[in-house]
Amino acid sequence: MNNEITLTDLFEVEMLQRLQDSFSKMTGFAAIITDAEGVPVT
């Protein structure tokens, strides 16, 4: 039985995308959000 909670269990992908976009706009750095295996979420 897997009792792990993932980021997408807690937040909708659209919200994560907005967070990533805001971070990039504020800092001027490109960003990406990945899951625990390194697969892009946004």
PDB file of N, CA and C in Angstrom:
ATOM      1  N   MET A   1       0.848  -1.189   0.000  1.00  0.00           N
ATOM      2  CA  MET A   1       0.000   0.000   0.000  1.00  0.00           C
ATOM      3  C   MET A   1       0.888   1.245   0.000  1.00  0.00           C
ATOM      4  N   ASN A   2       0.593   2.185  -0.872  1.00  0.00           N
ATOM      5  CA  ASN A   2       1.369   3.409  -0.997  1.00  0.00           C
ATOM      6  C   ASN A   2       0.678   4.528  -0.222  1.00  0.00           C
ATOM      7  N   ASN A   3       1.311   5.011   0.825  1.00  0.00           N
ATOM      8  CA  ASN A   3       0.748   6.082   1.640  1.00  0.00           C
ATOM      9  C   ASN A   3       1.376   7.437   1.340  1.00  0.00           C
ATOM     10  N   GLU A   4       2.109   7.541   0.240  1.00  0.00           N
ATOM     11  CA  GLU A   4       2.757   8.794  -0.109  1.00  0.00           C
ATOM     12  C   GLU A   4       1.753   9.777  -0.694  1.00  0.00           C
ATOM     13  N   ILE A   5       1.905  11.039  -0.322  1.00  0.00           N
ATOM     14  CA  ILE A   5       1.085  12.116  -0.876  1.00  0.00           C
ATOM     15  C   ILE A   5       1.956  12.882  -1.861  1.00  0.00           C
ATOM     16  N   THR A   6       1.455  13.083  -3.064  1.00  0.00           N
ATOM     17  CA  THR A   6       2.221  13.803  -4.078  1.00  0.00           C
ATOM     18  C   THR A   6       1.777  15.266  -4.142  1.00  0.00           C
ATOM     19  N   LEU A   7       2.580  16.065  -4.798  1.00  0.00           N
ATOM     20  CA  LEU A   7       2.276  17.488  -4.950  1.00  0.00           C
ATOM     21  C   LEU A   7       0.943  17.702  -5.661  1.00  0.00           C
ATOM     22  N   THR A   8       0.674  16.872  -6.664  1.00  0.00           N
ATOM     23  CA  THR A   8      -0.576  17.024  -7.404  1.00  0.00           C
ATOM     24  C   THR A   8      -1.779  16.469  -6.633  1.00  0.00           C
ATOM     25  N   ASP A   9      -1.546  15.750  -5.543  1.00  0.00           N
ATOM     26  CA  ASP A   9      -2.638  15.380  -4.640  1.00  0.00           C
ATOM     27  C   ASP A   9      -3.091  16.594  -3.848  1.00  0.00           C
ATOM     28  N   LEU A  10      -2.169  17.518  -3.617  1.00  0.00           N
ATOM     29  CA  LEU A  10      -2.455  18.692  -2.789  1.00  0.00           C
ATOM     30  C   LEU A  10      -2.871  19.917  -3.594  1.00  0.00           C
ATOM     31  N   PHE A  11      -2.328  20.051  -4.808  1.00  0.00           N
ATOM     32  CA  PHE A  11      -2.565  21.241  -5.624  1.00  0.00           C
ATOM     33  C   PHE A  11      -2.954  20.838  -7.038  1.00  0.00           C
ATOM     34  N   GLU A  12      -3.864  21.577  -7.638  1.00  0.00           N
ATOM     35  CA  GLU A  12      -4.218  21.367  -9.043  1.00  0.00           C
ATOM     36  C   GLU A  12      -3.060  21.828  -9.920  1.00  0.00           C
ATOM     37  N   VAL A  13      -2.899  21.175 -11.058  1.00  0.00           N
ATOM     38  CA  VAL A  13      -1.811  21.505 -11.972  1.00  0.00           C
ATOM     39  C   VAL A  13      -1.883  22.968 -12.403  1.00  0.00           C
ATOM     40  N   GLU A  14      -3.087  23.481 -12.597  1.00  0.00           N
ATOM     41  CA  GLU A  14      -3.247  24.884 -13.008  1.00  0.00           C
ATOM     42  C   GLU A  14      -2.681  25.834 -11.948  1.00  0.00           C
ATOM     43  N   MET A  15      -2.871  25.515 -10.671  1.00  0.00           N
ATOM     44  CA  MET A  15      -2.332  26.348  -9.601  1.00  0.00           C
ATOM     45  C   MET A  15      -0.803  26.282  -9.587  1.00  0.00           C
ATOM     46  N   LEU A  16      -0.261  25.101  -9.789  1.00  0.00           N
ATOM     47  CA  LEU A  16       1.187  24.947  -9.847  1.00  0.00           C
ATOM     48  C   LEU A  16       1.764  25.731 -11.023  1.00  0.00           C
ATOM     49  N   GLN A  17       1.051  25.729 -12.154  1.00  0.00           N
ATOM     50  CA  GLN A  17       1.512  26.487 -13.318  1.00  0.00           C
ATOM     51  C   GLN A  17       1.530  27.974 -13.012  1.00  0.00           C
ATOM     52  N   ARG A  18       0.500  28.473 -12.347  1.00  0.00           N
ATOM     53  CA  ARG A  18       0.467  29.899 -11.977  1.00  0.00           C
ATOM     54  C   ARG A  18       1.613  30.241 -11.025  1.00  0.00           C
ATOM     55  N   LEU A  19       1.903  29.360 -10.080  1.00  0.00           N
ATOM     56  CA  LEU A  19       3.012  29.570  -9.144  1.00  0.00           C
ATOM     57  C   LEU A  19       4.340  29.617  -9.899  1.00  0.00           C
ATOM     58  N   GLN A  20       4.520  28.672 -10.800  1.00  0.00           N
ATOM     59  CA  GLN A  20       5.744  28.641 -11.598  1.00  0.00           C
ATOM     60  C   GLN A  20       5.882  29.904 -12.450  1.00  0.00           C
ATOM     61  N   ASP A  21       4.807  30.312 -13.108  1.00  0.00           N
ATOM     62  CA  ASP A  21       4.841  31.514 -13.947  1.00  0.00           C
ATOM     63  C   ASP A  21       5.159  32.757 -13.120  1.00  0.00           C
ATOM     64  N   SER A  22       4.560  32.865 -11.944  1.00  0.00           N
ATOM     65  CA  SER A  22       4.807  34.020 -11.074  1.00  0.00           C
ATOM     66  C   SER A  22       6.251  34.043 -10.597  1.00  0.00           C
ATOM     67  N   PHE A  23       6.770  32.884 -10.222  1.00  0.00           N
ATOM     68  CA  PHE A  23       8.173  32.795  -9.801  1.00  0.00           C
ATOM     69  C   PHE A  23       9.098  33.255 -10.921  1.00  0.00           C
ATOM     70  N   SER A  24       8.862  32.755 -12.128  1.00  0.00           N
ATOM     71  CA  SER A  24       9.713  33.104 -13.266  1.00  0.00           C
ATOM     72  C   SER A  24       9.635  34.597 -13.582  1.00  0.00           C
ATOM     73  N   LYS A  25       8.441  35.144 -13.530  1.00  0.00           N
ATOM     74  CA  LYS A  25       8.267  36.573 -13.811  1.00  0.00           C
ATOM     75  C   LYS A  25       8.969  37.432 -12.760  1.00  0.00           C
ATOM     76  N   MET A  26       8.860  37.037 -11.491  1.00  0.00           N
ATOM     77  CA  MET A  26       9.441  37.808 -10.401  1.00  0.00           C
ATOM     78  C   MET A  26      10.969  37.737 -10.402  1.00  0.00           C
ATOM     79  N   THR A  27      11.527  36.568 -10.691  1.00  0.00           N
ATOM     80  CA  THR A  27      12.974  36.383 -10.585  1.00  0.00           C
ATOM     81  C   THR A  27      13.719  36.517 -11.896  1.00  0.00           C
ATOM     82  N   GLY A  28      13.008  36.352 -13.016  1.00  0.00           N
ATOM     83  CA  GLY A  28      13.666  36.364 -14.310  1.00  0.00           C
ATOM     84  C   GLY A  28      14.324  35.034 -14.647  1.00  0.00           C
ATOM     85  N   PHE A  29      14.061  34.011 -13.849  1.00  0.00           N
ATOM     86  CA  PHE A  29      14.621  32.677 -14.083  1.00  0.00           C
ATOM     87  C   PHE A  29      13.555  31.745 -14.643  1.00  0.00           C
ATOM     88  N   ALA A  30      13.971  30.890 -15.556  1.00  0.00           N
ATOM     89  CA  ALA A  30      13.070  29.847 -16.042  1.00  0.00           C
ATOM     90  C   ALA A  30      12.906  28.813 -14.933  1.00  0.00           C
ATOM     91  N   ALA A  31      11.746  28.197 -14.862  1.00  0.00           N
ATOM     92  CA  ALA A  31      11.491  27.210 -13.819  1.00  0.00           C
ATOM     93  C   ALA A  31      10.605  26.110 -14.367  1.00  0.00           C
ATOM     94  N   ILE A  32      10.662  24.984 -13.704  1.00  0.00           N
ATOM     95  CA  ILE A  32       9.785  23.866 -14.028  1.00  0.00           C
ATOM     96  C   ILE A  32       9.502  23.125 -12.724  1.00  0.00           C
ATOM     97  N   ILE A  33       8.309  22.601 -12.594  1.00  0.00           N
ATOM     98  CA  ILE A  33       7.951  21.811 -11.434  1.00  0.00           C
ATOM     99  C   ILE A  33       7.854  20.365 -11.884  1.00  0.00           C
ATOM    100  N   THR A  34       8.560  19.473 -11.163  1.00  0.00           N
ATOM    101  CA  THR A  34       8.559  18.059 -11.502  1.00  0.00           C
ATOM    102  C   THR A  34       8.004  17.232 -10.350  1.00  0.00           C
ATOM    103  N   ASP A  35       7.641  16.006 -10.663  1.00  0.00           N
ATOM    104  CA  ASP A  35       7.218  15.087  -9.609  1.00  0.00           C
ATOM    105  C   ASP A  35       8.459  14.439  -8.986  1.00  0.00           C
ATOM    106  N   ALA A  36       8.274  13.527  -8.064  1.00  0.00           N
ATOM    107  CA  ALA A  36       9.379  12.899  -7.350  1.00  0.00           C
ATOM    108  C   ALA A  36      10.310  12.117  -8.277  1.00  0.00           C
ATOM    109  N   GLU A  37       9.811  11.678  -9.419  1.00  0.00           N
ATOM    110  CA  GLU A  37      10.639  10.938 -10.373  1.00  0.00           C
ATOM    111  C   GLU A  37      11.298  11.848 -11.397  1.00  0.00           C
ATOM    112  N   GLY A  38      11.057  13.140 -11.315  1.00  0.00           N
ATOM    113  CA  GLY A  38      11.651  14.086 -12.251  1.00  0.00           C
ATOM    114  C   GLY A  38      10.837  14.323 -13.498  1.00  0.00           C
ATOM    115  N   VAL A  39       9.625  13.818 -13.540  1.00  0.00           N
ATOM    116  CA  VAL A  39       8.741  14.016 -14.686  1.00  0.00           C
ATOM    117  C   VAL A  39       8.069  15.379 -14.559  1.00  0.00           C
ATOM    118  N   PRO A  40       8.135  16.229 -15.587  1.00  0.00           N
ATOM    119  CA  PRO A  40       7.517  17.550 -15.509  1.00  0.00           C
ATOM    120  C   PRO A  40       6.015  17.488 -15.193  1.00  0.00           C
ATOM    121  N   VAL A  41       5.594  18.346 -14.275  1.00  0.00           N
ATOM    122  CA  VAL A  41       4.181  18.485 -13.933  1.00  0.00           C
ATOM    123  C   VAL A  41       3.617  19.702 -14.639  1.00  0.00           C
ATOM    124  N   THR A  42       4.435  20.737 -14.758  1.00  0.00           N
ATOM    125  CA  THR A  42       3.994  21.971 -15.420  1.00  0.00           C
ATOM    126  C   THR A  42       4.794  22.191 -16.681  1.00  0.00           C
TER     127      THR A  42
END
